[in-house]
Amino acid sequence: MAVAGVAGWIVIGFEGGLLFAVVAGAADTVYQWRRHEAVRTWRRGAQGERRTARRLRRLEAAGYLVLHDRALPTGRANLDHLAIGPSGVYVIDSKAWSRDRRITRRGRYVNVGRRWGSDEVKSVRYETRSVAAALSGRLNTPVEVTPVLAVHGPHVPLRGLSVDGVRMLRASMVAGWVLRRPARHSPADVARLEAAAAELFPAYTETEHPRSR
């Protein structure tokens, strides 16, 4: 009986070890997959930002100040692009999504494929409020800031979409849309806005502003 008991424990121990190995292997596979997806998403986003920056050179040629990858005065968020010129101040957030995703607006909400896209809308609205508050406080006058999502990949209607106050446009259409808007700031106002923005929103660094994961 004692021998049988020992043998039983050996079998159970072996099976338990085998089960642990299988579970551990599966967990590692899931971890590696998620890590790969996170890296791929980050790379796609970084490429989208660079492509948007190239598109926005048209604004710079027209005399606009365009700042890229800037830190907000508080918090961990960063600004992909900030454009300032006669027609206003714009927080432009780049979004690089798969071409096969379909963008669907539902009132104040938006879906990107099967994914809930309203988080992106909320994010750029938060950044816009932060920029408006910082500039208004520095210049002691209300400053209106316009939020824009520059989309790479999925089809967006030629005139874009308006979702909860955020303009969603094809990245290739953003500069033209900004330039077609009527002037609202004098050259002196633009100069003050540009000087304040350059001081308030320094270049973003990972060390000083670690990104949330």
N, C-alpha and C. Protein backbone atom coordinates (compact mmCIF):
# COMPACT_ATOMS: atom_id res chain seq x y z
N MET A 1 0.83 -1.20 0.00
CA MET A 1 0.00 0.00 0.00
C MET A 1 0.86 1.25 0.00
N ALA A 2 1.94 1.20 0.80
CA ALA A 2 2.82 2.37 0.86
C ALA A 2 3.45 2.64 -0.49
N VAL A 3 3.86 1.54 -1.17
CA VAL A 3 4.47 1.69 -2.50
C VAL A 3 3.46 2.28 -3.47
N ALA A 4 2.22 1.77 -3.39
CA ALA A 4 1.18 2.28 -4.28
C ALA A 4 0.92 3.75 -4.02
N GLY A 5 0.93 4.13 -2.72
CA GLY A 5 0.69 5.53 -2.38
C GLY A 5 1.78 6.42 -2.94
N VAL A 6 3.01 5.99 -2.78
CA VAL A 6 4.14 6.77 -3.31
C VAL A 6 4.04 6.90 -4.82
N ALA A 7 3.69 5.77 -5.46
CA ALA A 7 3.56 5.79 -6.91
C ALA A 7 2.47 6.76 -7.35
N GLY A 8 1.36 6.74 -6.55
CA GLY A 8 0.27 7.67 -6.88
C GLY A 8 0.71 9.11 -6.78
N TRP A 9 1.44 9.44 -5.72
CA TRP A 9 1.92 10.81 -5.57
C TRP A 9 2.88 11.20 -6.69
N ILE A 10 3.68 10.22 -7.11
CA ILE A 10 4.61 10.51 -8.21
C ILE A 10 3.85 10.85 -9.47
N VAL A 11 2.78 10.06 -9.75
CA VAL A 11 1.98 10.32 -10.95
C VAL A 11 1.30 11.67 -10.87
N ILE A 12 0.69 11.93 -9.66
CA ILE A 12 0.02 13.22 -9.48
C ILE A 12 1.00 14.37 -9.60
N GLY A 13 2.19 14.17 -9.01
CA GLY A 13 3.20 15.22 -9.10
C GLY A 13 3.63 15.46 -10.53
N PHE A 14 3.78 14.39 -11.29
CA PHE A 14 4.16 14.53 -12.69
C PHE A 14 3.09 15.26 -13.48
N GLU A 15 1.83 14.84 -13.26
CA GLU A 15 0.73 15.47 -13.98
C GLU A 15 0.58 16.94 -13.59
N GLY A 16 0.76 17.20 -12.28
CA GLY A 16 0.68 18.59 -11.84
C GLY A 16 1.78 19.43 -12.45
N GLY A 17 2.99 18.87 -12.49
CA GLY A 17 4.09 19.60 -13.11
C GLY A 17 3.86 19.84 -14.58
N LEU A 18 3.30 18.83 -15.25
CA LEU A 18 3.01 18.98 -16.67
C LEU A 18 1.96 20.05 -16.89
N LEU A 19 0.92 20.05 -16.04
CA LEU A 19 -0.13 21.07 -16.16
C LEU A 19 0.44 22.45 -15.92
N PHE A 20 1.30 22.58 -14.91
CA PHE A 20 1.93 23.87 -14.63
C PHE A 20 2.74 24.36 -15.82
N ALA A 21 3.49 23.42 -16.43
CA ALA A 21 4.31 23.79 -17.58
C ALA A 21 3.45 24.27 -18.74
N VAL A 22 2.32 23.59 -18.96
CA VAL A 22 1.41 23.99 -20.05
C VAL A 22 0.84 25.37 -19.79
N VAL A 23 0.37 25.59 -18.54
CA VAL A 23 -0.22 26.89 -18.18
C VAL A 23 0.82 27.99 -18.29
N ALA A 24 2.03 27.72 -17.79
CA ALA A 24 3.09 28.72 -17.85
C ALA A 24 3.45 29.04 -19.29
N GLY A 25 3.51 28.01 -20.12
CA GLY A 25 3.82 28.22 -21.54
C GLY A 25 2.76 29.05 -22.22
N ALA A 26 1.49 28.76 -21.92
CA ALA A 26 0.39 29.52 -22.51
C ALA A 26 0.43 30.98 -22.06
N ALA A 27 0.70 31.19 -20.77
CA ALA A 27 0.77 32.55 -20.24
C ALA A 27 1.90 33.33 -20.91
N ASP A 28 3.05 32.67 -21.10
CA ASP A 28 4.17 33.34 -21.76
C ASP A 28 3.84 33.68 -23.20
N THR A 29 3.13 32.77 -23.88
CA THR A 29 2.73 33.03 -25.26
C THR A 29 1.82 34.25 -25.34
N VAL A 30 0.85 34.33 -24.43
CA VAL A 30 -0.07 35.48 -24.40
C VAL A 30 0.70 36.76 -24.11
N TYR A 31 1.64 36.70 -23.15
CA TYR A 31 2.44 37.88 -22.81
C TYR A 31 3.25 38.36 -24.00
N GLN A 32 3.93 37.42 -24.67
CA GLN A 32 4.74 37.79 -25.82
C GLN A 32 3.88 38.36 -26.94
N TRP A 33 2.68 37.80 -27.13
CA TRP A 33 1.78 38.31 -28.17
C TRP A 33 1.35 39.74 -27.86
N ARG A 34 0.97 39.97 -26.60
CA ARG A 34 0.54 41.31 -26.21
C ARG A 34 1.68 42.31 -26.33
N ARG A 35 2.88 41.86 -25.95
CA ARG A 35 4.04 42.74 -26.07
C ARG A 35 4.30 43.08 -27.53
N HIS A 36 4.21 42.08 -28.41
CA HIS A 36 4.41 42.30 -29.83
C HIS A 36 3.37 43.27 -30.38
N GLU A 37 2.10 43.08 -29.98
CA GLU A 37 1.03 43.96 -30.44
C GLU A 37 1.25 45.38 -29.95
N ALA A 38 1.71 45.53 -28.70
CA ALA A 38 1.95 46.87 -28.16
C ALA A 38 3.06 47.57 -28.93
N VAL A 39 4.14 46.83 -29.24
CA VAL A 39 5.25 47.41 -30.00
C VAL A 39 4.79 47.78 -31.40
N ARG A 40 4.02 46.90 -32.03
CA ARG A 40 3.54 47.18 -33.39
C ARG A 40 2.61 48.39 -33.40
N THR A 41 1.75 48.50 -32.39
CA THR A 41 0.85 49.66 -32.30
C THR A 41 1.64 50.94 -32.10
N TRP A 42 2.68 50.88 -31.23
CA TRP A 42 3.51 52.06 -30.99
C TRP A 42 4.22 52.48 -32.27
N ARG A 43 4.78 51.51 -32.99
CA ARG A 43 5.49 51.84 -34.22
C ARG A 43 4.56 52.45 -35.25
N ARG A 44 3.34 51.87 -35.37
CA ARG A 44 2.38 52.41 -36.32
C ARG A 44 2.02 53.85 -35.95
N GLY A 45 1.86 54.10 -34.64
CA GLY A 45 1.54 55.45 -34.19
C GLY A 45 2.66 56.43 -34.47
N ALA A 46 3.90 55.99 -34.22
CA ALA A 46 5.06 56.86 -34.48
C ALA A 46 5.19 57.17 -35.96
N GLN A 47 4.97 56.18 -36.80
CA GLN A 47 5.01 56.41 -38.25
C GLN A 47 3.92 57.39 -38.67
N GLY A 48 2.73 57.24 -38.07
CA GLY A 48 1.63 58.15 -38.38
C GLY A 48 1.97 59.58 -38.01
N GLU A 49 2.61 59.78 -36.86
CA GLU A 49 3.00 61.12 -36.44
C GLU A 49 3.99 61.74 -37.42
N ARG A 50 4.96 60.95 -37.88
CA ARG A 50 5.95 61.47 -38.82
C ARG A 50 5.28 61.84 -40.15
N ARG A 51 4.35 61.01 -40.59
CA ARG A 51 3.65 61.30 -41.85
C ARG A 51 2.80 62.55 -41.71
N THR A 52 2.14 62.71 -40.57
CA THR A 52 1.36 63.93 -40.35
C THR A 52 2.26 65.15 -40.33
N ALA A 53 3.41 65.03 -39.69
CA ALA A 53 4.35 66.16 -39.63
C ALA A 53 4.74 66.60 -41.03
N ARG A 54 4.96 65.64 -41.92
CA ARG A 54 5.30 66.01 -43.30
C ARG A 54 4.12 66.72 -43.98
N ARG A 55 2.92 66.25 -43.72
CA ARG A 55 1.73 66.89 -44.29
C ARG A 55 1.57 68.33 -43.81
N LEU A 56 1.98 68.58 -42.58
CA LEU A 56 1.79 69.90 -41.99
C LEU A 56 2.86 70.91 -42.42
N ARG A 57 3.82 70.48 -43.20
CA ARG A 57 4.81 71.44 -43.71
C ARG A 57 4.15 72.50 -44.57
N ARG A 58 3.02 72.15 -45.14
CA ARG A 58 2.27 73.13 -45.94
C ARG A 58 1.83 74.30 -45.07
N LEU A 59 1.50 74.03 -43.82
CA LEU A 59 1.14 75.12 -42.90
C LEU A 59 2.36 75.99 -42.60
N GLU A 60 3.49 75.35 -42.38
CA GLU A 60 4.71 76.11 -42.10
C GLU A 60 5.07 77.00 -43.28
N ALA A 61 4.87 76.48 -44.49
CA ALA A 61 5.15 77.28 -45.68
C ALA A 61 4.23 78.49 -45.77
N ALA A 62 3.05 78.39 -45.15
CA ALA A 62 2.08 79.49 -45.16
C ALA A 62 2.27 80.42 -43.97
N GLY A 63 3.31 80.19 -43.17
CA GLY A 63 3.61 81.09 -42.06
C GLY A 63 3.12 80.64 -40.71
N TYR A 64 2.56 79.45 -40.61
CA TYR A 64 2.10 78.93 -39.33
C TYR A 64 3.27 78.37 -38.53
N LEU A 65 3.16 78.46 -37.21
CA LEU A 65 4.10 77.77 -36.34
C LEU A 65 3.53 76.38 -36.09
N VAL A 66 4.33 75.35 -36.32
CA VAL A 66 3.89 73.97 -36.06
C VAL A 66 4.91 73.31 -35.14
N LEU A 67 4.46 72.94 -33.95
CA LEU A 67 5.31 72.27 -32.98
C LEU A 67 4.93 70.79 -32.93
N HIS A 68 5.92 69.94 -32.76
CA HIS A 68 5.67 68.50 -32.76
C HIS A 68 6.14 67.87 -31.44
N ASP A 69 5.38 66.88 -30.97
CA ASP A 69 5.72 66.09 -29.78
C ASP A 69 6.09 66.99 -28.61
N ARG A 70 5.09 67.70 -28.11
CA ARG A 70 5.30 68.65 -27.03
C ARG A 70 4.63 68.19 -25.74
N ALA A 71 5.24 68.54 -24.63
CA ALA A 71 4.70 68.17 -23.32
C ALA A 71 3.70 69.21 -22.84
N LEU A 72 2.68 68.75 -22.15
CA LEU A 72 1.75 69.66 -21.49
C LEU A 72 2.36 70.12 -20.16
N PRO A 73 1.89 71.25 -19.63
CA PRO A 73 2.46 71.74 -18.36
C PRO A 73 2.31 70.76 -17.21
N THR A 74 1.22 69.99 -17.21
CA THR A 74 1.00 69.00 -16.16
C THR A 74 0.54 67.68 -16.78
N GLY A 75 0.73 66.60 -16.06
CA GLY A 75 0.27 65.30 -16.53
C GLY A 75 1.29 64.62 -17.44
N ARG A 76 0.92 63.43 -17.90
CA ARG A 76 1.81 62.62 -18.73
C ARG A 76 1.53 62.73 -20.22
N ALA A 77 0.40 63.32 -20.57
CA ALA A 77 0.02 63.38 -21.99
C ALA A 77 0.97 64.28 -22.77
N ASN A 78 1.08 63.98 -24.06
CA ASN A 78 1.88 64.83 -24.93
C ASN A 78 1.03 65.26 -26.12
N LEU A 79 1.44 66.34 -26.75
CA LEU A 79 0.77 66.84 -27.95
C LEU A 79 1.51 66.30 -29.17
N ASP A 80 0.80 65.62 -30.05
CA ASP A 80 1.44 65.16 -31.29
C ASP A 80 1.87 66.36 -32.12
N HIS A 81 0.94 67.29 -32.33
CA HIS A 81 1.21 68.48 -33.15
C HIS A 81 0.39 69.65 -32.62
N LEU A 82 0.99 70.83 -32.62
CA LEU A 82 0.31 72.05 -32.23
C LEU A 82 0.58 73.09 -33.31
N ALA A 83 -0.48 73.58 -33.95
CA ALA A 83 -0.34 74.55 -35.05
C ALA A 83 -0.97 75.87 -34.63
N ILE A 84 -0.27 76.96 -34.93
CA ILE A 84 -0.74 78.30 -34.57
C ILE A 84 -0.56 79.23 -35.75
N GLY A 85 -1.62 79.95 -36.10
CA GLY A 85 -1.57 80.88 -37.21
C GLY A 85 -2.79 81.77 -37.24
N PRO A 86 -2.98 82.51 -38.33
CA PRO A 86 -4.08 83.47 -38.41
C PRO A 86 -5.46 82.87 -38.16
N SER A 87 -5.69 81.63 -38.58
CA SER A 87 -7.03 81.05 -38.44
C SER A 87 -7.27 80.41 -37.07
N GLY A 88 -6.25 80.36 -36.22
CA GLY A 88 -6.48 79.83 -34.89
C GLY A 88 -5.36 78.96 -34.35
N VAL A 89 -5.68 78.30 -33.25
CA VAL A 89 -4.76 77.37 -32.58
C VAL A 89 -5.36 75.98 -32.68
N TYR A 90 -4.55 75.01 -33.08
CA TYR A 90 -5.06 73.66 -33.34
C TYR A 90 -4.21 72.61 -32.62
N VAL A 91 -4.87 71.75 -31.87
CA VAL A 91 -4.23 70.55 -31.34
C VAL A 91 -4.56 69.43 -32.31
N ILE A 92 -3.54 68.87 -32.94
CA ILE A 92 -3.72 67.86 -33.98
C ILE A 92 -3.14 66.54 -33.49
N ASP A 93 -4.00 65.56 -33.36
CA ASP A 93 -3.60 64.25 -32.86
C ASP A 93 -3.60 63.25 -34.01
N SER A 94 -2.48 62.58 -34.24
CA SER A 94 -2.37 61.60 -35.33
C SER A 94 -2.93 60.25 -34.90
N LYS A 95 -3.68 59.61 -35.80
CA LYS A 95 -4.20 58.27 -35.56
C LYS A 95 -3.93 57.41 -36.79
N ALA A 96 -3.15 56.36 -36.60
CA ALA A 96 -2.84 55.43 -37.69
C ALA A 96 -3.55 54.12 -37.41
N TRP A 97 -4.61 53.86 -38.16
CA TRP A 97 -5.41 52.64 -37.99
C TRP A 97 -5.35 51.80 -39.26
N SER A 98 -5.74 50.56 -39.16
CA SER A 98 -5.74 49.66 -40.32
C SER A 98 -6.72 50.16 -41.38
N ARG A 99 -6.36 49.97 -42.63
CA ARG A 99 -7.20 50.44 -43.73
C ARG A 99 -8.56 49.76 -43.76
N ASP A 100 -8.61 48.53 -43.28
CA ASP A 100 -9.87 47.78 -43.38
C ASP A 100 -10.87 48.15 -42.28
N ARG A 101 -10.48 49.02 -41.38
CA ARG A 101 -11.43 49.44 -40.34
C ARG A 101 -12.41 50.48 -40.90
N ARG A 102 -13.63 50.38 -40.45
CA ARG A 102 -14.66 51.31 -40.89
C ARG A 102 -14.98 52.28 -39.76
N ILE A 103 -14.96 53.56 -40.07
CA ILE A 103 -15.27 54.58 -39.08
C ILE A 103 -16.76 54.91 -39.16
N THR A 104 -17.44 54.76 -38.04
CA THR A 104 -18.88 54.98 -37.99
C THR A 104 -19.21 55.95 -36.88
N ARG A 105 -19.87 57.04 -37.22
CA ARG A 105 -20.27 58.01 -36.20
C ARG A 105 -21.67 57.69 -35.69
N ARG A 106 -21.81 57.77 -34.38
CA ARG A 106 -23.11 57.56 -33.75
C ARG A 106 -23.36 58.72 -32.79
N GLY A 107 -23.84 59.83 -33.35
CA GLY A 107 -24.07 61.02 -32.54
C GLY A 107 -22.77 61.58 -32.00
N ARG A 108 -22.64 61.58 -30.68
CA ARG A 108 -21.42 62.09 -30.04
C ARG A 108 -20.33 61.03 -29.93
N TYR A 109 -20.59 59.85 -30.48
CA TYR A 109 -19.65 58.74 -30.34
C TYR A 109 -19.20 58.25 -31.71
N VAL A 110 -18.11 57.50 -31.70
CA VAL A 110 -17.58 56.99 -32.96
C VAL A 110 -16.99 55.60 -32.73
N ASN A 111 -17.18 54.74 -33.71
CA ASN A 111 -16.57 53.42 -33.71
C ASN A 111 -15.52 53.35 -34.80
N VAL A 112 -14.41 52.69 -34.51
CA VAL A 112 -13.37 52.45 -35.51
C VAL A 112 -13.28 50.95 -35.67
N GLY A 113 -13.92 50.43 -36.73
CA GLY A 113 -14.08 49.00 -36.85
C GLY A 113 -14.95 48.50 -35.71
N ARG A 114 -14.48 47.48 -35.03
CA ARG A 114 -15.20 46.99 -33.85
C ARG A 114 -14.74 47.67 -32.58
N ARG A 115 -13.84 48.59 -32.72
CA ARG A 115 -13.22 49.23 -31.57
C ARG A 115 -13.94 50.53 -31.23
N TRP A 116 -14.11 50.76 -29.94
CA TRP A 116 -14.71 51.99 -29.44
C TRP A 116 -13.71 53.12 -29.63
N GLY A 117 -14.04 54.09 -30.50
CA GLY A 117 -13.09 55.15 -30.81
C GLY A 117 -13.25 56.41 -29.99
N SER A 118 -14.20 56.43 -29.07
CA SER A 118 -14.46 57.65 -28.32
C SER A 118 -13.35 57.99 -27.33
N ASP A 119 -12.51 57.01 -26.97
CA ASP A 119 -11.38 57.31 -26.09
C ASP A 119 -10.42 58.28 -26.76
N GLU A 120 -10.21 58.12 -28.07
CA GLU A 120 -9.34 59.03 -28.80
C GLU A 120 -9.94 60.43 -28.83
N VAL A 121 -11.26 60.50 -28.97
CA VAL A 121 -11.94 61.80 -28.96
C VAL A 121 -11.77 62.46 -27.60
N LYS A 122 -11.98 61.71 -26.54
CA LYS A 122 -11.83 62.24 -25.18
C LYS A 122 -10.40 62.70 -24.94
N SER A 123 -9.44 61.94 -25.45
CA SER A 123 -8.03 62.27 -25.24
C SER A 123 -7.67 63.61 -25.87
N VAL A 124 -8.05 63.80 -27.13
CA VAL A 124 -7.69 65.06 -27.80
C VAL A 124 -8.48 66.22 -27.21
N ARG A 125 -9.68 65.98 -26.72
CA ARG A 125 -10.44 67.04 -26.04
C ARG A 125 -9.73 67.45 -24.75
N TYR A 126 -9.21 66.48 -24.02
CA TYR A 126 -8.46 66.79 -22.80
C TYR A 126 -7.23 67.63 -23.12
N GLU A 127 -6.48 67.22 -24.14
CA GLU A 127 -5.29 67.96 -24.53
C GLU A 127 -5.65 69.38 -24.96
N THR A 128 -6.76 69.51 -25.68
CA THR A 128 -7.20 70.83 -26.15
C THR A 128 -7.56 71.73 -24.98
N ARG A 129 -8.28 71.20 -24.01
CA ARG A 129 -8.63 72.00 -22.83
C ARG A 129 -7.38 72.43 -22.07
N SER A 130 -6.41 71.55 -21.99
CA SER A 130 -5.17 71.88 -21.29
C SER A 130 -4.41 73.00 -21.99
N VAL A 131 -4.35 72.92 -23.31
CA VAL A 131 -3.66 73.97 -24.08
C VAL A 131 -4.40 75.29 -23.95
N ALA A 132 -5.72 75.27 -24.06
CA ALA A 132 -6.51 76.49 -23.95
C ALA A 132 -6.33 77.14 -22.58
N ALA A 133 -6.35 76.32 -21.53
CA ALA A 133 -6.19 76.86 -20.18
C ALA A 133 -4.81 77.47 -19.98
N ALA A 134 -3.78 76.79 -20.49
CA ALA A 134 -2.41 77.29 -20.32
C ALA A 134 -2.20 78.60 -21.08
N LEU A 135 -2.64 78.65 -22.32
CA LEU A 135 -2.47 79.87 -23.12
C LEU A 135 -3.31 81.01 -22.57
N SER A 136 -4.53 80.71 -22.17
CA SER A 136 -5.41 81.76 -21.63
C SER A 136 -4.82 82.34 -20.35
N GLY A 137 -4.28 81.47 -19.50
CA GLY A 137 -3.68 81.95 -18.26
C GLY A 137 -2.44 82.79 -18.50
N ARG A 138 -1.61 82.37 -19.45
CA ARG A 138 -0.38 83.10 -19.73
C ARG A 138 -0.66 84.46 -20.37
N LEU A 139 -1.63 84.51 -21.28
CA LEU A 139 -1.91 85.75 -22.01
C LEU A 139 -3.01 86.58 -21.36
N ASN A 140 -3.61 86.05 -20.31
CA ASN A 140 -4.66 86.76 -19.58
C ASN A 140 -5.83 87.15 -20.49
N THR A 141 -6.17 86.27 -21.40
CA THR A 141 -7.31 86.47 -22.29
C THR A 141 -7.78 85.11 -22.78
N PRO A 142 -9.07 84.94 -23.00
CA PRO A 142 -9.55 83.62 -23.46
C PRO A 142 -8.95 83.24 -24.82
N VAL A 143 -8.47 82.03 -24.92
CA VAL A 143 -7.91 81.52 -26.17
C VAL A 143 -8.69 80.26 -26.57
N GLU A 144 -9.27 80.30 -27.75
CA GLU A 144 -10.01 79.13 -28.25
C GLU A 144 -9.05 78.22 -29.01
N VAL A 145 -9.15 76.93 -28.73
CA VAL A 145 -8.28 75.94 -29.37
C VAL A 145 -9.16 74.88 -30.03
N THR A 146 -8.82 74.50 -31.25
CA THR A 146 -9.62 73.55 -32.02
C THR A 146 -8.95 72.18 -32.03
N PRO A 147 -9.68 71.12 -31.62
CA PRO A 147 -9.12 69.77 -31.66
C PRO A 147 -9.34 69.09 -33.01
N VAL A 148 -8.31 68.41 -33.50
CA VAL A 148 -8.38 67.73 -34.79
C VAL A 148 -7.77 66.34 -34.66
N LEU A 149 -8.41 65.34 -35.25
CA LEU A 149 -7.82 64.01 -35.39
C LEU A 149 -7.40 63.82 -36.84
N ALA A 150 -6.11 63.61 -37.07
CA ALA A 150 -5.57 63.37 -38.41
C ALA A 150 -5.46 61.87 -38.60
N VAL A 151 -6.31 61.32 -39.46
CA VAL A 151 -6.46 59.87 -39.58
C VAL A 151 -5.68 59.31 -40.77
N HIS A 152 -4.88 58.29 -40.51
CA HIS A 152 -4.20 57.52 -41.55
C HIS A 152 -4.83 56.13 -41.60
N GLY A 153 -5.11 55.65 -42.79
CA GLY A 153 -5.61 54.28 -42.93
C GLY A 153 -7.05 54.19 -43.39
N PRO A 154 -8.01 54.21 -42.46
CA PRO A 154 -9.41 54.02 -42.84
C PRO A 154 -9.95 55.16 -43.68
N HIS A 155 -11.02 54.87 -44.39
CA HIS A 155 -11.68 55.90 -45.19
C HIS A 155 -12.39 56.90 -44.28
N VAL A 156 -12.16 58.18 -44.55
CA VAL A 156 -12.87 59.26 -43.86
C VAL A 156 -13.52 60.11 -44.95
N PRO A 157 -14.78 60.52 -44.80
CA PRO A 157 -15.42 61.36 -45.81
C PRO A 157 -14.56 62.57 -46.15
N LEU A 158 -14.66 63.03 -47.39
CA LEU A 158 -13.80 64.10 -47.88
C LEU A 158 -13.86 65.34 -46.99
N ARG A 159 -15.04 65.67 -46.51
CA ARG A 159 -15.18 66.84 -45.65
C ARG A 159 -14.95 66.52 -44.19
N GLY A 160 -14.69 65.29 -43.89
CA GLY A 160 -14.41 64.90 -42.52
C GLY A 160 -15.67 64.67 -41.71
N LEU A 161 -15.47 64.40 -40.43
CA LEU A 161 -16.56 64.18 -39.49
C LEU A 161 -16.36 65.09 -38.28
N SER A 162 -17.46 65.46 -37.67
CA SER A 162 -17.40 66.21 -36.42
C SER A 162 -17.98 65.32 -35.32
N VAL A 163 -17.15 64.98 -34.34
CA VAL A 163 -17.56 64.07 -33.27
C VAL A 163 -17.31 64.76 -31.92
N ASP A 164 -18.38 65.15 -31.26
CA ASP A 164 -18.30 65.78 -29.95
C ASP A 164 -17.33 66.96 -29.95
N GLY A 165 -17.42 67.79 -31.00
CA GLY A 165 -16.59 68.98 -31.08
C GLY A 165 -15.21 68.76 -31.65
N VAL A 166 -14.88 67.52 -32.00
CA VAL A 166 -13.57 67.20 -32.57
C VAL A 166 -13.71 66.97 -34.06
N ARG A 167 -12.84 67.61 -34.84
CA ARG A 167 -12.87 67.42 -36.29
C ARG A 167 -11.99 66.23 -36.65
N MET A 168 -12.58 65.25 -37.32
CA MET A 168 -11.86 64.06 -37.75
C MET A 168 -11.68 64.14 -39.26
N LEU A 169 -10.43 64.19 -39.72
CA LEU A 169 -10.11 64.39 -41.13
C LEU A 169 -9.07 63.39 -41.60
N ARG A 170 -9.06 63.14 -42.91
CA ARG A 170 -7.92 62.43 -43.48
C ARG A 170 -6.68 63.27 -43.21
N ALA A 171 -5.59 62.62 -42.88
CA ALA A 171 -4.37 63.37 -42.58
C ALA A 171 -3.96 64.27 -43.74
N SER A 172 -4.21 63.82 -44.95
CA SER A 172 -3.83 64.59 -46.14
C SER A 172 -4.68 65.85 -46.31
N MET A 173 -5.81 65.95 -45.60
CA MET A 173 -6.72 67.07 -45.77
C MET A 173 -6.58 68.12 -44.66
N VAL A 174 -5.82 67.82 -43.63
CA VAL A 174 -5.79 68.70 -42.46
C VAL A 174 -5.25 70.09 -42.79
N ALA A 175 -4.10 70.16 -43.45
CA ALA A 175 -3.48 71.46 -43.73
C ALA A 175 -4.41 72.33 -44.57
N GLY A 176 -4.99 71.77 -45.62
CA GLY A 176 -5.90 72.54 -46.47
C GLY A 176 -7.11 73.04 -45.70
N TRP A 177 -7.64 72.20 -44.81
CA TRP A 177 -8.80 72.58 -44.01
C TRP A 177 -8.45 73.76 -43.10
N VAL A 178 -7.29 73.72 -42.48
CA VAL A 178 -6.86 74.81 -41.60
C VAL A 178 -6.69 76.10 -42.40
N LEU A 179 -6.06 76.00 -43.56
CA LEU A 179 -5.79 77.19 -44.36
C LEU A 179 -7.05 77.82 -44.94
N ARG A 180 -8.08 77.03 -45.14
CA ARG A 180 -9.33 77.57 -45.70
C ARG A 180 -10.19 78.28 -44.65
N ARG A 181 -9.88 78.09 -43.41
CA ARG A 181 -10.68 78.73 -42.36
C ARG A 181 -10.36 80.22 -42.29
N PRO A 182 -11.36 81.04 -41.95
CA PRO A 182 -11.14 82.49 -41.93
C PRO A 182 -10.17 82.92 -40.85
N ALA A 183 -9.45 84.00 -41.12
CA ALA A 183 -8.49 84.53 -40.15
C ALA A 183 -9.24 85.09 -38.95
N ARG A 184 -8.70 84.85 -37.76
CA ARG A 184 -9.31 85.34 -36.53
C ARG A 184 -8.30 86.03 -35.62
N HIS A 185 -7.00 85.92 -35.97
CA HIS A 185 -5.97 86.54 -35.14
C HIS A 185 -5.13 87.48 -35.99
N SER A 186 -4.80 88.62 -35.42
CA SER A 186 -3.91 89.57 -36.09
C SER A 186 -2.48 89.05 -36.01
N PRO A 187 -1.59 89.60 -36.85
CA PRO A 187 -0.19 89.17 -36.76
C PRO A 187 0.40 89.34 -35.35
N ALA A 188 0.01 90.42 -34.67
CA ALA A 188 0.51 90.64 -33.31
C ALA A 188 -0.01 89.57 -32.35
N ASP A 189 -1.28 89.21 -32.50
CA ASP A 189 -1.85 88.16 -31.65
C ASP A 189 -1.16 86.81 -31.91
N VAL A 190 -0.92 86.53 -33.19
CA VAL A 190 -0.27 85.27 -33.54
C VAL A 190 1.13 85.21 -32.92
N ALA A 191 1.85 86.32 -32.97
CA ALA A 191 3.20 86.36 -32.41
C ALA A 191 3.17 86.08 -30.91
N ARG A 192 2.20 86.66 -30.20
CA ARG A 192 2.09 86.42 -28.76
C ARG A 192 1.73 84.96 -28.47
N LEU A 193 0.82 84.42 -29.25
CA LEU A 193 0.44 83.01 -29.07
C LEU A 193 1.62 82.08 -29.32
N GLU A 194 2.38 82.37 -30.36
CA GLU A 194 3.53 81.52 -30.69
C GLU A 194 4.58 81.57 -29.59
N ALA A 195 4.86 82.77 -29.08
CA ALA A 195 5.87 82.91 -28.03
C ALA A 195 5.43 82.18 -26.76
N ALA A 196 4.15 82.31 -26.41
CA ALA A 196 3.64 81.64 -25.22
C ALA A 196 3.68 80.13 -25.38
N ALA A 197 3.29 79.64 -26.55
CA ALA A 197 3.27 78.19 -26.79
C ALA A 197 4.67 77.60 -26.73
N ALA A 198 5.64 78.28 -27.33
CA ALA A 198 7.01 77.77 -27.33
C ALA A 198 7.55 77.64 -25.91
N GLU A 199 7.10 78.52 -25.02
CA GLU A 199 7.58 78.48 -23.64
C GLU A 199 6.79 77.48 -22.79
N LEU A 200 5.48 77.43 -23.01
CA LEU A 200 4.61 76.59 -22.17
C LEU A 200 4.71 75.10 -22.49
N PHE A 201 5.00 74.79 -23.75
CA PHE A 201 4.96 73.39 -24.19
C PHE A 201 6.32 72.96 -24.72
N PRO A 202 7.22 72.56 -23.83
CA PRO A 202 8.57 72.16 -24.26
C PRO A 202 8.54 70.81 -24.96
N ALA A 203 9.68 70.47 -25.55
CA ALA A 203 9.79 69.16 -26.21
C ALA A 203 9.53 68.05 -25.20
N TYR A 204 8.79 67.04 -25.64
CA TYR A 204 8.42 65.94 -24.76
C TYR A 204 9.60 64.99 -24.58
N THR A 205 9.85 64.57 -23.34
CA THR A 205 10.89 63.58 -23.09
C THR A 205 10.31 62.48 -22.22
N GLU A 206 10.69 61.23 -22.50
CA GLU A 206 10.18 60.09 -21.75
C GLU A 206 10.61 60.15 -20.29
N THR A 207 11.81 60.66 -20.02
CA THR A 207 12.33 60.68 -18.65
C THR A 207 11.52 61.60 -17.76
N GLU A 208 11.21 62.79 -18.28
CA GLU A 208 10.49 63.77 -17.48
C GLU A 208 9.00 63.48 -17.42
N HIS A 209 8.47 62.86 -18.48
CA HIS A 209 7.04 62.61 -18.55
C HIS A 209 6.80 61.16 -18.96
N PRO A 210 7.00 60.21 -18.05
CA PRO A 210 6.81 58.80 -18.42
C PRO A 210 5.39 58.54 -18.89
N ARG A 211 5.26 57.83 -20.00
CA ARG A 211 3.94 57.52 -20.54
C ARG A 211 3.28 56.46 -19.67
N SER A 212 1.96 56.59 -19.52
CA SER A 212 1.22 55.56 -18.80
C SER A 212 1.11 54.33 -19.66
N ARG A 213 1.09 53.15 -19.05
CA ARG A 213 1.05 51.90 -19.81
C ARG A 213 -0.27 51.20 -19.57
